[in-house]
Amino acid sequence: KSIYGTVSIGPYPFEADESAFAYKRFRQGATLQNGRSVLDVGVFFETKYNSEEWTDNGKIVVRFNLFMETTGPDRYLGRYDVFFAFKRDGNTYTRLPWIQEGPFVNTIDSRSPEKIVLTFVTDFPTEATLLLDDGRAISAPKARDHEITLDNLSPATSYTYRVKVGDLVTRLYSFRTAPVAGEGSVTF
């Protein structure tokens, strides 16, 4: 049985410096043939398509819409988005480690309002660093599944941060620590 479908790519996040939301905009597409497709990421360096002002590296989202041939109606296998980072050296493009899931802020708790846990997953085992807006840099060891505990935070306080993976840095994110137990309100 054969799997077929389409593949689309675009910069991610699209217009990162102009929007508070990380959204996808697919700018190129092709059909998968024999399980393969070739799309040129170099087009995103051309003036017309360079929405992110890339110079020597970039981050893209790749979307797969997959089907499987069957004896009856073909079966829809699903839509899958995968994120990639790469660097350009002339006409050569090299894949770089990048975040596939997250970052997610976990474990905000009024019993320990000075602490939160942040998690994310990279596509390759790699070291990563959380860059907090107060100047702290918390490094995570080489792994795919990263869990970083931040402590010595002030209760009921907003912080902004970025995550650095290799030489690449995410857009700005934020979180708010829990209030001291018995103070403030909780919203889900």
C-alpha atoms as a PDB file:
ATOM      1  CA  LYS A   1       0.000   0.000   0.000  1.00  0.00           C
ATOM      2  CA  SER A   2       1.248   3.421  -0.934  1.00  0.00           C
ATOM      3  CA  ILE A   3       1.254   6.597   1.132  1.00  0.00           C
ATOM      4  CA  TYR A   4       0.767   9.856  -0.725  1.00  0.00           C
ATOM      5  CA  GLY A   5      -0.208  13.446  -0.048  1.00  0.00           C
ATOM      6  CA  THR A   6       1.074  16.993  -0.045  1.00  0.00           C
ATOM      7  CA  VAL A   7       3.793  18.909   1.727  1.00  0.00           C
ATOM      8  CA  SER A   8       3.813  22.672   2.382  1.00  0.00           C
ATOM      9  CA  ILE A   9       6.455  24.935   3.947  1.00  0.00           C
ATOM     10  CA  GLY A  10       6.671  28.443   5.296  1.00  0.00           C
ATOM     11  CA  PRO A  11       8.660  30.563   7.750  1.00  0.00           C
ATOM     12  CA  TYR A  12       7.704  30.048  11.389  1.00  0.00           C
ATOM     13  CA  PRO A  13       6.640  32.026  13.175  1.00  0.00           C
ATOM     14  CA  PHE A  14       5.455  34.136  10.256  1.00  0.00           C
ATOM     15  CA  GLU A  15       6.109  37.874  10.705  1.00  0.00           C
ATOM     16  CA  ALA A  16       7.514  37.100  14.155  1.00  0.00           C
ATOM     17  CA  ASP A  17       8.480  40.710  14.910  1.00  0.00           C
ATOM     18  CA  GLU A  18       5.100  42.080  13.815  1.00  0.00           C
ATOM     19  CA  SER A  19       2.680  39.819  15.685  1.00  0.00           C
ATOM     20  CA  ALA A  20       2.223  38.727  19.272  1.00  0.00           C
ATOM     21  CA  PHE A  21       1.022  35.355  17.960  1.00  0.00           C
ATOM     22  CA  ALA A  22       3.163  32.579  16.539  1.00  0.00           C
ATOM     23  CA  TYR A  23       1.277  31.632  13.422  1.00  0.00           C
ATOM     24  CA  LYS A  24       1.993  29.642  10.291  1.00  0.00           C
ATOM     25  CA  ARG A  25       1.829  30.871   6.716  1.00  0.00           C
ATOM     26  CA  PHE A  26       2.608  28.327   4.065  1.00  0.00           C
ATOM     27  CA  ARG A  27       4.313  29.883   1.053  1.00  0.00           C
ATOM     28  CA  GLN A  28       5.304  26.804  -1.002  1.00  0.00           C
ATOM     29  CA  GLY A  29       3.777  23.407  -1.629  1.00  0.00           C
ATOM     30  CA  ALA A  30       4.276  20.218  -3.603  1.00  0.00           C
ATOM     31  CA  THR A  31       2.927  16.717  -4.018  1.00  0.00           C
ATOM     32  CA  LEU A  32       4.675  13.786  -2.371  1.00  0.00           C
ATOM     33  CA  GLN A  33       5.838  11.343  -5.043  1.00  0.00           C
ATOM     34  CA  ASN A  34       7.174   7.949  -3.991  1.00  0.00           C
ATOM     35  CA  GLY A  35       7.334   9.265  -0.431  1.00  0.00           C
ATOM     36  CA  ARG A  36       9.502  12.245  -1.415  1.00  0.00           C
ATOM     37  CA  SER A  37       9.199  15.904  -2.275  1.00  0.00           C
ATOM     38  CA  VAL A  38      11.708  18.682  -2.828  1.00  0.00           C
ATOM     39  CA  LEU A  39      10.980  22.271  -1.803  1.00  0.00           C
ATOM     40  CA  ASP A  40      13.498  25.108  -1.958  1.00  0.00           C
ATOM     41  CA  VAL A  41      13.933  26.922   1.387  1.00  0.00           C
ATOM     42  CA  GLY A  42      16.251  29.315  -0.431  1.00  0.00           C
ATOM     43  CA  VAL A  43      13.227  31.139  -1.821  1.00  0.00           C
ATOM     44  CA  PHE A  44      12.625  32.561   1.678  1.00  0.00           C
ATOM     45  CA  PHE A  45      15.847  34.550   1.387  1.00  0.00           C
ATOM     46  CA  GLU A  46      14.548  36.347  -1.719  1.00  0.00           C
ATOM     47  CA  THR A  47      13.329  39.895  -1.034  1.00  0.00           C
ATOM     48  CA  LYS A  48       9.736  39.109  -2.047  1.00  0.00           C
ATOM     49  CA  TYR A  49       9.420  36.218   0.418  1.00  0.00           C
ATOM     50  CA  ASN A  50      11.840  37.215   3.204  1.00  0.00           C
ATOM     51  CA  SER A  51       9.197  38.256   5.763  1.00  0.00           C
ATOM     52  CA  GLU A  52      11.570  37.440   8.641  1.00  0.00           C
ATOM     53  CA  GLU A  53      14.617  39.353   7.342  1.00  0.00           C
ATOM     54  CA  TRP A  54      16.732  36.186   7.303  1.00  0.00           C
ATOM     55  CA  THR A  55      20.395  36.581   6.455  1.00  0.00           C
ATOM     56  CA  ASP A  56      22.128  33.248   7.110  1.00  0.00           C
ATOM     57  CA  ASN A  57      19.633  31.071   9.015  1.00  0.00           C
ATOM     58  CA  GLY A  58      15.929  30.462   9.325  1.00  0.00           C
ATOM     59  CA  LYS A  59      13.149  28.475  10.937  1.00  0.00           C
ATOM     60  CA  ILE A  60      10.351  26.834   8.968  1.00  0.00           C
ATOM     61  CA  VAL A  61       7.267  24.739   9.514  1.00  0.00           C
ATOM     62  CA  VAL A  62       6.649  21.768   7.242  1.00  0.00           C
ATOM     63  CA  ARG A  63       3.085  20.444   6.958  1.00  0.00           C
ATOM     64  CA  PHE A  64       2.313  16.959   5.677  1.00  0.00           C
ATOM     65  CA  ASN A  65      -1.219  15.914   4.631  1.00  0.00           C
ATOM     66  CA  LEU A  66      -1.028  12.144   4.237  1.00  0.00           C
ATOM     67  CA  PHE A  67      -3.273   9.469   2.734  1.00  0.00           C
ATOM     68  CA  MET A  68      -2.879   5.710   2.293  1.00  0.00           C
ATOM     69  CA  GLU A  69      -4.130   3.853  -0.759  1.00  0.00           C
ATOM     70  CA  THR A  70      -6.535   1.079   0.174  1.00  0.00           C
ATOM     71  CA  THR A  71      -8.780  -1.322  -1.763  1.00  0.00           C
ATOM     72  CA  GLY A  72     -11.778   0.803  -0.776  1.00  0.00           C
ATOM     73  CA  PRO A  73     -11.729   4.550  -0.249  1.00  0.00           C
ATOM     74  CA  ASP A  74      -8.246   5.819   0.523  1.00  0.00           C
ATOM     75  CA  ARG A  75      -7.589   6.341   4.219  1.00  0.00           C
ATOM     76  CA  TYR A  76      -6.729   9.799   5.549  1.00  0.00           C
ATOM     77  CA  LEU A  77      -3.715   9.430   7.859  1.00  0.00           C
ATOM     78  CA  GLY A  78      -3.691  12.966   9.173  1.00  0.00           C
ATOM     79  CA  ARG A  79      -2.009  16.340   9.104  1.00  0.00           C
ATOM     80  CA  TYR A  80       1.393  16.695  10.743  1.00  0.00           C
ATOM     81  CA  ASP A  81       3.425  19.841  11.355  1.00  0.00           C
ATOM     82  CA  VAL A  82       7.167  19.600  11.975  1.00  0.00           C
ATOM     83  CA  PHE A  83       9.507  22.505  12.730  1.00  0.00           C
ATOM     84  CA  PHE A  84      13.035  22.860  11.351  1.00  0.00           C
ATOM     85  CA  ALA A  85      15.891  25.296  11.739  1.00  0.00           C
ATOM     86  CA  PHE A  86      18.719  25.625   9.250  1.00  0.00           C
ATOM     87  CA  LYS A  87      21.706  27.739   8.340  1.00  0.00           C
ATOM     88  CA  ARG A  88      22.786  28.835   4.901  1.00  0.00           C
ATOM     89  CA  ASP A  89      26.355  28.895   3.664  1.00  0.00           C
ATOM     90  CA  GLY A  90      26.298  29.952   0.014  1.00  0.00           C
ATOM     91  CA  ASN A  91      24.022  27.431  -1.696  1.00  0.00           C
ATOM     92  CA  THR A  92      24.389  24.839   1.067  1.00  0.00           C
ATOM     93  CA  TYR A  93      21.741  24.453   3.754  1.00  0.00           C
ATOM     94  CA  THR A  94      22.445  22.598   6.987  1.00  0.00           C
ATOM     95  CA  ARG A  95      19.765  21.496   9.423  1.00  0.00           C
ATOM     96  CA  LEU A  96      20.187  22.783  12.982  1.00  0.00           C
ATOM     97  CA  PRO A  97      18.643  21.512  16.227  1.00  0.00           C
ATOM     98  CA  TRP A  98      15.355  23.237  17.047  1.00  0.00           C
ATOM     99  CA  ILE A  99      12.290  23.084  19.275  1.00  0.00           C
ATOM    100  CA  GLN A 100       9.570  20.646  18.170  1.00  0.00           C
ATOM    101  CA  GLU A 101       7.187  21.070  21.139  1.00  0.00           C
ATOM    102  CA  GLY A 102       6.867  23.935  23.571  1.00  0.00           C
ATOM    103  CA  PRO A 103       8.157  25.744  25.449  1.00  0.00           C
ATOM    104  CA  PHE A 104       5.490  24.971  28.043  1.00  0.00           C
ATOM    105  CA  VAL A 105       5.291  26.447  31.535  1.00  0.00           C
ATOM    106  CA  ASN A 106       4.382  23.698  34.002  1.00  0.00           C
ATOM    107  CA  THR A 107       4.038  23.418  37.747  1.00  0.00           C
ATOM    108  CA  ILE A 108       3.010  26.890  38.845  1.00  0.00           C
ATOM    109  CA  ASP A 109       2.036  26.320  42.478  1.00  0.00           C
ATOM    110  CA  SER A 110       1.176  28.665  45.374  1.00  0.00           C
ATOM    111  CA  ARG A 111       2.867  26.250  47.768  1.00  0.00           C
ATOM    112  CA  SER A 112       6.150  27.212  46.034  1.00  0.00           C
ATOM    113  CA  PRO A 113       5.376  30.510  44.269  1.00  0.00           C
ATOM    114  CA  GLU A 114       9.079  31.241  43.815  1.00  0.00           C
ATOM    115  CA  LYS A 115       9.452  28.331  41.393  1.00  0.00           C
ATOM    116  CA  ILE A 116       8.131  27.160  38.009  1.00  0.00           C
ATOM    117  CA  VAL A 117       9.094  24.328  35.662  1.00  0.00           C
ATOM    118  CA  LEU A 118       9.495  24.929  31.930  1.00  0.00           C
ATOM    119  CA  THR A 119       9.606  22.056  29.411  1.00  0.00           C
ATOM    120  CA  PHE A 120      10.252  21.695  25.669  1.00  0.00           C
ATOM    121  CA  VAL A 121      11.354  19.037  23.185  1.00  0.00           C
ATOM    122  CA  THR A 122      14.075  19.452  20.541  1.00  0.00           C
ATOM    123  CA  ASP A 123      14.451  17.357  17.396  1.00  0.00           C
ATOM    124  CA  PHE A 124      18.011  16.303  18.296  1.00  0.00           C
ATOM    125  CA  PRO A 125      19.707  15.870  21.657  1.00  0.00           C
ATOM    126  CA  THR A 126      21.224  19.282  22.281  1.00  0.00           C
ATOM    127  CA  GLU A 127      22.079  21.704  25.054  1.00  0.00           C
ATOM    128  CA  ALA A 128      19.684  24.608  25.559  1.00  0.00           C
ATOM    129  CA  THR A 129      19.578  27.760  27.674  1.00  0.00           C
ATOM    130  CA  LEU A 130      16.660  29.630  29.181  1.00  0.00           C
ATOM    131  CA  LEU A 131      17.315  33.383  29.004  1.00  0.00           C
ATOM    132  CA  LEU A 132      15.239  35.143  31.654  1.00  0.00           C
ATOM    133  CA  ASP A 133      14.504  38.866  31.363  1.00  0.00           C
ATOM    134  CA  ASP A 134      16.227  39.553  34.695  1.00  0.00           C
ATOM    135  CA  GLY A 135      19.572  38.543  33.158  1.00  0.00           C
ATOM    136  CA  ARG A 136      19.717  34.941  34.358  1.00  0.00           C
ATOM    137  CA  ALA A 137      20.700  32.187  31.953  1.00  0.00           C
ATOM    138  CA  ILE A 138      19.798  28.654  33.059  1.00  0.00           C
ATOM    139  CA  SER A 139      21.428  25.914  31.008  1.00  0.00           C
ATOM    140  CA  ALA A 140      19.921  22.515  30.333  1.00  0.00           C
ATOM    141  CA  PRO A 141      22.119  19.488  29.624  1.00  0.00           C
ATOM    142  CA  LYS A 142      22.199  17.753  26.267  1.00  0.00           C
ATOM    143  CA  ALA A 143      18.842  16.024  25.765  1.00  0.00           C
ATOM    144  CA  ARG A 144      15.748  15.921  23.555  1.00  0.00           C
ATOM    145  CA  ASP A 145      13.281  16.301  26.422  1.00  0.00           C
ATOM    146  CA  HIS A 146      14.238  19.393  28.389  1.00  0.00           C
ATOM    147  CA  GLU A 147      12.936  20.297  31.841  1.00  0.00           C
ATOM    148  CA  ILE A 148      14.254  23.472  33.435  1.00  0.00           C
ATOM    149  CA  THR A 149      13.348  24.495  36.964  1.00  0.00           C
ATOM    150  CA  LEU A 150      13.404  28.214  37.643  1.00  0.00           C
ATOM    151  CA  ASP A 151      13.591  29.274  41.262  1.00  0.00           C
ATOM    152  CA  ASN A 152      14.262  32.430  43.259  1.00  0.00           C
ATOM    153  CA  LEU A 153      11.335  34.109  41.508  1.00  0.00           C
ATOM    154  CA  SER A 154       8.975  36.649  43.089  1.00  0.00           C
ATOM    155  CA  PRO A 155       5.377  35.510  43.745  1.00  0.00           C
ATOM    156  CA  ALA A 156       2.577  36.913  41.538  1.00  0.00           C
ATOM    157  CA  THR A 157       5.114  38.449  39.131  1.00  0.00           C
ATOM    158  CA  SER A 158       5.288  38.427  35.326  1.00  0.00           C
ATOM    159  CA  TYR A 159       8.533  37.430  33.615  1.00  0.00           C
ATOM    160  CA  THR A 160       9.576  37.277  29.975  1.00  0.00           C
ATOM    161  CA  TYR A 161      12.052  34.816  28.553  1.00  0.00           C
ATOM    162  CA  ARG A 162      13.550  33.286  25.427  1.00  0.00           C
ATOM    163  CA  VAL A 163      14.987  29.830  24.829  1.00  0.00           C
ATOM    164  CA  LYS A 164      18.344  29.482  23.088  1.00  0.00           C
ATOM    165  CA  VAL A 165      19.040  26.271  21.159  1.00  0.00           C
ATOM    166  CA  GLY A 166      22.500  26.315  19.610  1.00  0.00           C
ATOM    167  CA  ASP A 167      22.965  29.779  18.110  1.00  0.00           C
ATOM    168  CA  LEU A 168      19.244  30.312  17.526  1.00  0.00           C
ATOM    169  CA  VAL A 169      16.886  32.051  19.935  1.00  0.00           C
ATOM    170  CA  THR A 170      13.084  31.857  20.156  1.00  0.00           C
ATOM    171  CA  ARG A 171      10.726  34.782  20.113  1.00  0.00           C
ATOM    172  CA  LEU A 172       9.813  36.373  23.455  1.00  0.00           C
ATOM    173  CA  TYR A 173       7.507  34.384  25.781  1.00  0.00           C
ATOM    174  CA  SER A 174       6.062  35.227  29.188  1.00  0.00           C
ATOM    175  CA  PHE A 175       4.693  33.610  32.344  1.00  0.00           C
ATOM    176  CA  ARG A 176       3.339  34.777  35.680  1.00  0.00           C
ATOM    177  CA  THR A 177       4.301  33.087  38.949  1.00  0.00           C
ATOM    178  CA  ALA A 178       1.662  31.923  41.410  1.00  0.00           C
ATOM    179  CA  PRO A 179       0.546  34.159  44.269  1.00  0.00           C
ATOM    180  CA  VAL A 180       1.472  33.220  47.834  1.00  0.00           C
ATOM    181  CA  ALA A 181      -0.944  30.556  49.165  1.00  0.00           C
ATOM    182  CA  GLY A 182      -4.168  32.193  50.342  1.00  0.00           C
ATOM    183  CA  GLU A 183      -3.596  35.410  48.379  1.00  0.00           C
ATOM    184  CA  GLY A 184      -4.900  36.373  44.959  1.00  0.00           C
ATOM    185  CA  SER A 185      -7.191  34.357  42.728  1.00  0.00           C
ATOM    186  CA  VAL A 186      -6.741  31.393  40.416  1.00  0.00           C
ATOM    187  CA  THR A 187      -8.134  31.259  36.895  1.00  0.00           C
ATOM    188  CA  PHE A 188      -8.174  28.181  34.673  1.00  0.00           C
END
